């Protein structure tokens, strides 16, 4: 998360607090292949909408014809891609992925 900058991380923590009623015991790092898990979010779509509001220059959604549930948004002229999967193939639940050019993709999976 440090690649997004401290202001972004602070704002993300505020979104987590707003959407899950707190942060302690709710946001857990699960590993580099999995990313983070976030528990007790009533509406992952609402969480995602509030998260997108952190970026002043977001564009999208761009629909992937081979993955119709995938919603891709681009920030800073496609330097950052944020995807929302209402139903992820790997977990069956909602997932958000972040990708900065040149860095590994990171995910937040909702429990």
N, C-alpha and C. Protein backbone atom coordinates (compact mmCIF):
# COMPACT_ATOMS: atom_id res chain seq x y z
N UNK A 1 0.82 -1.20 0.00
CA UNK A 1 0.00 0.00 0.00
C UNK A 1 0.86 1.26 0.00
N UNK A 2 2.13 1.13 0.42
CA UNK A 2 2.96 2.32 0.48
C UNK A 2 3.18 2.95 -0.89
N UNK A 3 3.04 2.16 -1.97
CA UNK A 3 3.22 2.70 -3.32
C UNK A 3 2.14 3.71 -3.68
N UNK A 4 1.00 3.66 -3.00
CA UNK A 4 -0.07 4.61 -3.26
C UNK A 4 0.15 5.92 -2.51
N UNK A 5 1.03 5.96 -1.52
CA UNK A 5 1.30 7.16 -0.75
C UNK A 5 0.55 7.20 0.56
N UNK A 6 1.09 7.96 1.51
CA UNK A 6 0.51 7.99 2.86
C UNK A 6 -0.88 8.61 2.89
N UNK A 7 -1.12 9.65 2.09
CA UNK A 7 -2.45 10.27 2.09
C UNK A 7 -3.50 9.28 1.61
N UNK A 8 -3.17 8.52 0.56
CA UNK A 8 -4.10 7.52 0.07
C UNK A 8 -4.38 6.46 1.13
N UNK A 9 -3.32 5.99 1.79
CA UNK A 9 -3.48 4.96 2.82
C UNK A 9 -4.36 5.48 3.95
N UNK A 10 -4.13 6.71 4.38
CA UNK A 10 -4.96 7.30 5.43
C UNK A 10 -6.42 7.40 5.00
N UNK A 11 -6.64 7.82 3.76
CA UNK A 11 -8.01 7.91 3.25
C UNK A 11 -8.65 6.54 3.10
N UNK A 12 -7.87 5.54 2.69
CA UNK A 12 -8.37 4.19 2.59
C UNK A 12 -8.80 3.67 3.96
N UNK A 13 -8.01 3.95 4.98
CA UNK A 13 -8.37 3.54 6.33
C UNK A 13 -9.66 4.21 6.78
N UNK A 14 -9.88 5.45 6.38
CA UNK A 14 -11.13 6.14 6.70
C UNK A 14 -12.31 5.44 6.00
N UNK A 15 -12.13 5.06 4.75
CA UNK A 15 -13.19 4.34 4.03
C UNK A 15 -13.49 3.03 4.75
N UNK A 16 -12.45 2.32 5.16
CA UNK A 16 -12.64 1.05 5.87
C UNK A 16 -13.42 1.27 7.16
N UNK A 17 -13.04 2.29 7.92
CA UNK A 17 -13.75 2.60 9.17
C UNK A 17 -15.21 2.94 8.89
N UNK A 18 -15.46 3.76 7.85
CA UNK A 18 -16.82 4.15 7.52
C UNK A 18 -17.68 2.97 7.10
N UNK A 19 -17.09 2.05 6.35
CA UNK A 19 -17.86 0.96 5.76
C UNK A 19 -17.96 -0.28 6.64
N UNK A 20 -17.01 -0.46 7.58
CA UNK A 20 -17.03 -1.68 8.39
C UNK A 20 -17.21 -1.43 9.87
N UNK A 21 -17.36 -0.16 10.24
CA UNK A 21 -17.58 0.16 11.64
C UNK A 21 -16.31 0.15 12.49
N UNK A 22 -15.16 0.09 11.90
CA UNK A 22 -13.89 0.06 12.62
C UNK A 22 -12.85 -0.62 11.78
N UNK A 23 -11.66 -0.75 12.34
CA UNK A 23 -10.59 -1.38 11.57
C UNK A 23 -9.96 -2.55 12.31
N UNK A 24 -9.97 -2.51 13.63
CA UNK A 24 -9.30 -3.56 14.39
C UNK A 24 -9.91 -4.93 14.11
N UNK A 25 -9.08 -5.84 13.70
CA UNK A 25 -9.52 -7.20 13.42
C UNK A 25 -10.31 -7.36 12.13
N UNK A 26 -10.40 -6.31 11.33
CA UNK A 26 -11.21 -6.39 10.12
C UNK A 26 -10.38 -6.43 8.84
N UNK A 27 -9.23 -5.77 8.84
CA UNK A 27 -8.36 -5.73 7.68
C UNK A 27 -7.15 -6.60 7.98
N UNK A 28 -6.98 -7.67 7.19
CA UNK A 28 -5.90 -8.62 7.43
C UNK A 28 -5.13 -8.90 6.16
N UNK A 29 -3.79 -8.86 6.27
CA UNK A 29 -2.93 -9.23 5.15
C UNK A 29 -2.90 -10.74 5.08
N UNK A 30 -3.23 -11.30 3.92
CA UNK A 30 -3.33 -12.75 3.78
C UNK A 30 -2.17 -13.35 3.00
N UNK A 31 -1.34 -12.53 2.39
CA UNK A 31 -0.22 -13.03 1.61
C UNK A 31 -0.17 -12.38 0.25
N UNK A 32 1.01 -12.45 -0.39
CA UNK A 32 1.18 -11.73 -1.65
C UNK A 32 0.30 -12.26 -2.77
N UNK A 33 -0.05 -13.54 -2.77
CA UNK A 33 -0.93 -14.08 -3.81
C UNK A 33 -2.39 -13.76 -3.56
N UNK A 34 -2.75 -13.52 -2.31
CA UNK A 34 -4.14 -13.28 -1.94
C UNK A 34 -4.42 -11.81 -1.74
N UNK A 35 -3.52 -11.11 -1.09
CA UNK A 35 -3.72 -9.71 -0.76
C UNK A 35 -4.33 -9.58 0.62
N UNK A 36 -5.27 -8.67 0.75
CA UNK A 36 -5.91 -8.40 2.04
C UNK A 36 -7.31 -8.97 2.06
N UNK A 37 -7.79 -9.25 3.25
CA UNK A 37 -9.21 -9.56 3.41
C UNK A 37 -9.80 -8.49 4.31
N UNK A 38 -11.07 -8.20 4.09
CA UNK A 38 -11.77 -7.19 4.87
C UNK A 38 -13.11 -7.77 5.29
N UNK A 39 -13.34 -7.78 6.59
CA UNK A 39 -14.56 -8.37 7.14
C UNK A 39 -15.57 -7.29 7.52
N UNK A 40 -16.82 -7.70 7.57
CA UNK A 40 -17.93 -6.90 8.10
C UNK A 40 -18.28 -5.66 7.30
N UNK A 41 -18.08 -5.67 5.99
CA UNK A 41 -18.54 -4.58 5.14
C UNK A 41 -19.94 -4.93 4.67
N UNK A 42 -20.90 -4.08 4.99
CA UNK A 42 -22.29 -4.37 4.62
C UNK A 42 -22.51 -4.37 3.12
N UNK A 43 -21.88 -3.43 2.41
CA UNK A 43 -22.08 -3.32 0.97
C UNK A 43 -20.74 -3.10 0.27
N UNK A 44 -20.14 -4.16 -0.28
CA UNK A 44 -18.89 -3.98 -1.02
C UNK A 44 -19.01 -2.96 -2.15
N UNK A 45 -20.18 -2.88 -2.80
CA UNK A 45 -20.36 -1.90 -3.88
C UNK A 45 -20.27 -0.47 -3.32
N UNK A 46 -20.87 -0.23 -2.17
CA UNK A 46 -20.79 1.08 -1.52
C UNK A 46 -19.35 1.39 -1.12
N UNK A 47 -18.65 0.40 -0.58
CA UNK A 47 -17.24 0.55 -0.25
C UNK A 47 -16.46 0.96 -1.48
N UNK A 48 -16.68 0.26 -2.59
CA UNK A 48 -15.97 0.55 -3.83
C UNK A 48 -16.28 1.95 -4.33
N UNK A 49 -17.53 2.35 -4.26
CA UNK A 49 -17.91 3.69 -4.71
C UNK A 49 -17.20 4.76 -3.88
N UNK A 50 -17.13 4.56 -2.56
CA UNK A 50 -16.43 5.52 -1.70
C UNK A 50 -14.94 5.51 -2.00
N UNK A 51 -14.38 4.34 -2.27
CA UNK A 51 -12.97 4.23 -2.63
C UNK A 51 -12.68 4.99 -3.92
N UNK A 52 -13.51 4.85 -4.93
CA UNK A 52 -13.30 5.57 -6.19
C UNK A 52 -13.31 7.08 -5.97
N UNK A 53 -14.08 7.53 -4.99
CA UNK A 53 -14.13 8.95 -4.68
C UNK A 53 -12.81 9.51 -4.17
N UNK A 54 -11.86 8.64 -3.79
CA UNK A 54 -10.54 9.09 -3.35
C UNK A 54 -9.69 9.59 -4.51
N UNK A 55 -10.06 9.24 -5.73
CA UNK A 55 -9.28 9.59 -6.91
C UNK A 55 -9.99 10.67 -7.71
N UNK A 56 -9.35 11.83 -7.90
CA UNK A 56 -10.02 12.93 -8.60
C UNK A 56 -10.15 12.73 -10.11
N UNK A 57 -9.33 11.88 -10.69
CA UNK A 57 -9.31 11.75 -12.15
C UNK A 57 -9.63 10.34 -12.63
N UNK A 58 -10.53 9.67 -11.95
CA UNK A 58 -10.88 8.29 -12.31
C UNK A 58 -11.78 8.30 -13.56
N UNK A 59 -11.54 7.34 -14.46
CA UNK A 59 -12.40 7.16 -15.63
C UNK A 59 -12.87 5.71 -15.68
N UNK A 60 -13.98 5.49 -16.31
CA UNK A 60 -14.53 4.15 -16.44
C UNK A 60 -15.96 4.12 -16.00
N UNK A 61 -16.57 2.99 -15.98
CA UNK A 61 -15.98 1.66 -16.07
C UNK A 61 -15.71 1.23 -17.50
N UNK A 62 -14.67 0.44 -17.64
CA UNK A 62 -14.34 -0.22 -18.89
C UNK A 62 -14.70 -1.68 -18.70
N UNK A 63 -15.55 -2.18 -19.56
CA UNK A 63 -16.05 -3.54 -19.44
C UNK A 63 -15.14 -4.50 -20.22
N UNK A 64 -14.81 -5.62 -19.61
CA UNK A 64 -14.01 -6.66 -20.24
C UNK A 64 -14.97 -7.66 -20.87
N UNK A 65 -14.99 -7.79 -22.20
CA UNK A 65 -15.95 -8.69 -22.84
C UNK A 65 -15.78 -10.16 -22.46
N UNK A 66 -14.56 -10.56 -22.05
CA UNK A 66 -14.35 -11.95 -21.65
C UNK A 66 -14.66 -12.18 -20.17
N UNK A 67 -14.74 -11.11 -19.40
CA UNK A 67 -15.07 -11.18 -17.96
C UNK A 67 -16.18 -10.16 -17.69
N UNK A 68 -17.43 -10.49 -18.01
CA UNK A 68 -18.50 -9.49 -17.94
C UNK A 68 -18.76 -8.92 -16.54
N UNK A 69 -18.35 -9.60 -15.47
CA UNK A 69 -18.55 -9.06 -14.13
C UNK A 69 -17.44 -8.10 -13.70
N UNK A 70 -16.36 -8.05 -14.45
CA UNK A 70 -15.22 -7.21 -14.11
C UNK A 70 -15.49 -5.76 -14.52
N UNK A 71 -15.32 -4.85 -13.58
CA UNK A 71 -15.46 -3.42 -13.83
C UNK A 71 -14.09 -2.78 -13.63
N UNK A 72 -13.49 -2.26 -14.70
CA UNK A 72 -12.16 -1.66 -14.62
C UNK A 72 -12.27 -0.15 -14.67
N UNK A 73 -11.55 0.51 -13.76
CA UNK A 73 -11.46 1.97 -13.73
C UNK A 73 -9.99 2.34 -13.84
N UNK A 74 -9.73 3.47 -14.49
CA UNK A 74 -8.35 3.92 -14.70
C UNK A 74 -8.14 5.27 -14.01
N UNK A 75 -6.94 5.42 -13.44
CA UNK A 75 -6.57 6.64 -12.73
C UNK A 75 -5.23 7.11 -13.27
N UNK A 76 -5.06 8.44 -13.34
CA UNK A 76 -3.79 9.03 -13.77
C UNK A 76 -3.37 8.50 -15.14
N UNK A 77 -4.27 8.64 -16.11
CA UNK A 77 -3.99 8.20 -17.49
C UNK A 77 -3.55 6.75 -17.56
N UNK A 78 -4.22 5.89 -16.83
CA UNK A 78 -4.00 4.44 -16.85
C UNK A 78 -2.72 4.01 -16.14
N UNK A 79 -2.14 4.86 -15.30
CA UNK A 79 -1.01 4.45 -14.48
C UNK A 79 -1.50 3.50 -13.39
N UNK A 80 -2.71 3.73 -12.91
CA UNK A 80 -3.32 2.88 -11.90
C UNK A 80 -4.60 2.30 -12.48
N UNK A 81 -4.80 1.01 -12.31
CA UNK A 81 -6.07 0.37 -12.66
C UNK A 81 -6.68 -0.21 -11.39
N UNK A 82 -7.96 0.04 -11.23
CA UNK A 82 -8.70 -0.50 -10.10
C UNK A 82 -9.85 -1.30 -10.69
N UNK A 83 -9.97 -2.54 -10.25
CA UNK A 83 -11.04 -3.41 -10.76
C UNK A 83 -11.94 -3.82 -9.61
N UNK A 84 -13.22 -3.91 -9.91
CA UNK A 84 -14.19 -4.41 -8.93
C UNK A 84 -14.87 -5.61 -9.54
N UNK A 85 -14.87 -6.69 -8.78
CA UNK A 85 -15.55 -7.92 -9.17
C UNK A 85 -16.67 -8.16 -8.15
N UNK A 86 -17.93 -7.92 -8.51
CA UNK A 86 -19.01 -8.20 -7.56
C UNK A 86 -19.01 -9.66 -7.11
N UNK A 87 -18.62 -10.55 -8.04
CA UNK A 87 -18.45 -11.97 -7.74
C UNK A 87 -17.14 -12.39 -8.40
N UNK A 88 -16.15 -12.75 -7.58
CA UNK A 88 -14.86 -13.16 -8.12
C UNK A 88 -14.85 -14.66 -8.38
N UNK A 89 -14.20 -15.05 -9.46
CA UNK A 89 -14.10 -16.48 -9.81
C UNK A 89 -13.37 -17.28 -8.74
N UNK A 90 -12.39 -16.66 -8.09
CA UNK A 90 -11.56 -17.40 -7.15
C UNK A 90 -12.16 -17.51 -5.75
N UNK A 91 -12.99 -16.54 -5.36
CA UNK A 91 -13.52 -16.55 -3.99
C UNK A 91 -15.04 -16.69 -3.94
N UNK A 92 -15.70 -16.38 -5.04
CA UNK A 92 -17.16 -16.40 -5.04
C UNK A 92 -17.76 -15.15 -4.42
N UNK A 93 -16.92 -14.32 -3.82
CA UNK A 93 -17.38 -13.08 -3.19
C UNK A 93 -16.80 -11.87 -3.89
N UNK A 94 -17.17 -10.68 -3.45
CA UNK A 94 -16.65 -9.45 -4.06
C UNK A 94 -15.15 -9.27 -3.80
N UNK A 95 -14.47 -8.70 -4.79
CA UNK A 95 -13.03 -8.44 -4.70
C UNK A 95 -12.72 -7.14 -5.42
N UNK A 96 -11.76 -6.39 -4.87
CA UNK A 96 -11.22 -5.20 -5.53
C UNK A 96 -9.75 -5.49 -5.80
N UNK A 97 -9.27 -5.13 -6.99
CA UNK A 97 -7.84 -5.27 -7.28
C UNK A 97 -7.28 -3.91 -7.66
N UNK A 98 -6.01 -3.68 -7.26
CA UNK A 98 -5.28 -2.46 -7.58
C UNK A 98 -4.05 -2.87 -8.37
N UNK A 99 -3.75 -2.10 -9.41
CA UNK A 99 -2.55 -2.37 -10.20
C UNK A 99 -1.92 -1.05 -10.60
N UNK A 100 -0.67 -0.84 -10.15
CA UNK A 100 0.12 0.29 -10.59
C UNK A 100 1.11 -0.25 -11.61
N UNK A 101 1.27 0.46 -12.74
CA UNK A 101 2.19 -0.02 -13.77
C UNK A 101 3.55 -0.34 -13.18
N UNK A 102 4.04 -1.52 -13.49
CA UNK A 102 5.36 -1.95 -13.05
C UNK A 102 5.39 -2.62 -11.69
N UNK A 103 4.24 -2.69 -11.00
CA UNK A 103 4.18 -3.30 -9.68
C UNK A 103 3.17 -4.45 -9.68
N UNK A 104 3.29 -5.38 -8.75
CA UNK A 104 2.34 -6.49 -8.69
C UNK A 104 0.93 -6.01 -8.34
N UNK A 105 -0.04 -6.74 -8.83
CA UNK A 105 -1.44 -6.49 -8.49
C UNK A 105 -1.69 -6.84 -7.03
N UNK A 106 -2.50 -6.05 -6.35
CA UNK A 106 -2.90 -6.32 -4.97
C UNK A 106 -4.41 -6.33 -4.89
N UNK A 107 -4.94 -7.14 -3.98
CA UNK A 107 -6.40 -7.31 -3.89
C UNK A 107 -6.92 -7.11 -2.48
N UNK A 108 -8.17 -6.68 -2.42
CA UNK A 108 -8.94 -6.68 -1.17
C UNK A 108 -10.11 -7.62 -1.41
N UNK A 109 -10.20 -8.66 -0.61
CA UNK A 109 -11.29 -9.62 -0.71
C UNK A 109 -12.22 -9.43 0.47
N UNK A 110 -13.50 -9.34 0.18
CA UNK A 110 -14.50 -9.12 1.23
C UNK A 110 -14.97 -10.44 1.81
N UNK A 111 -14.98 -10.53 3.12
CA UNK A 111 -15.43 -11.74 3.81
C UNK A 111 -16.85 -11.57 4.30
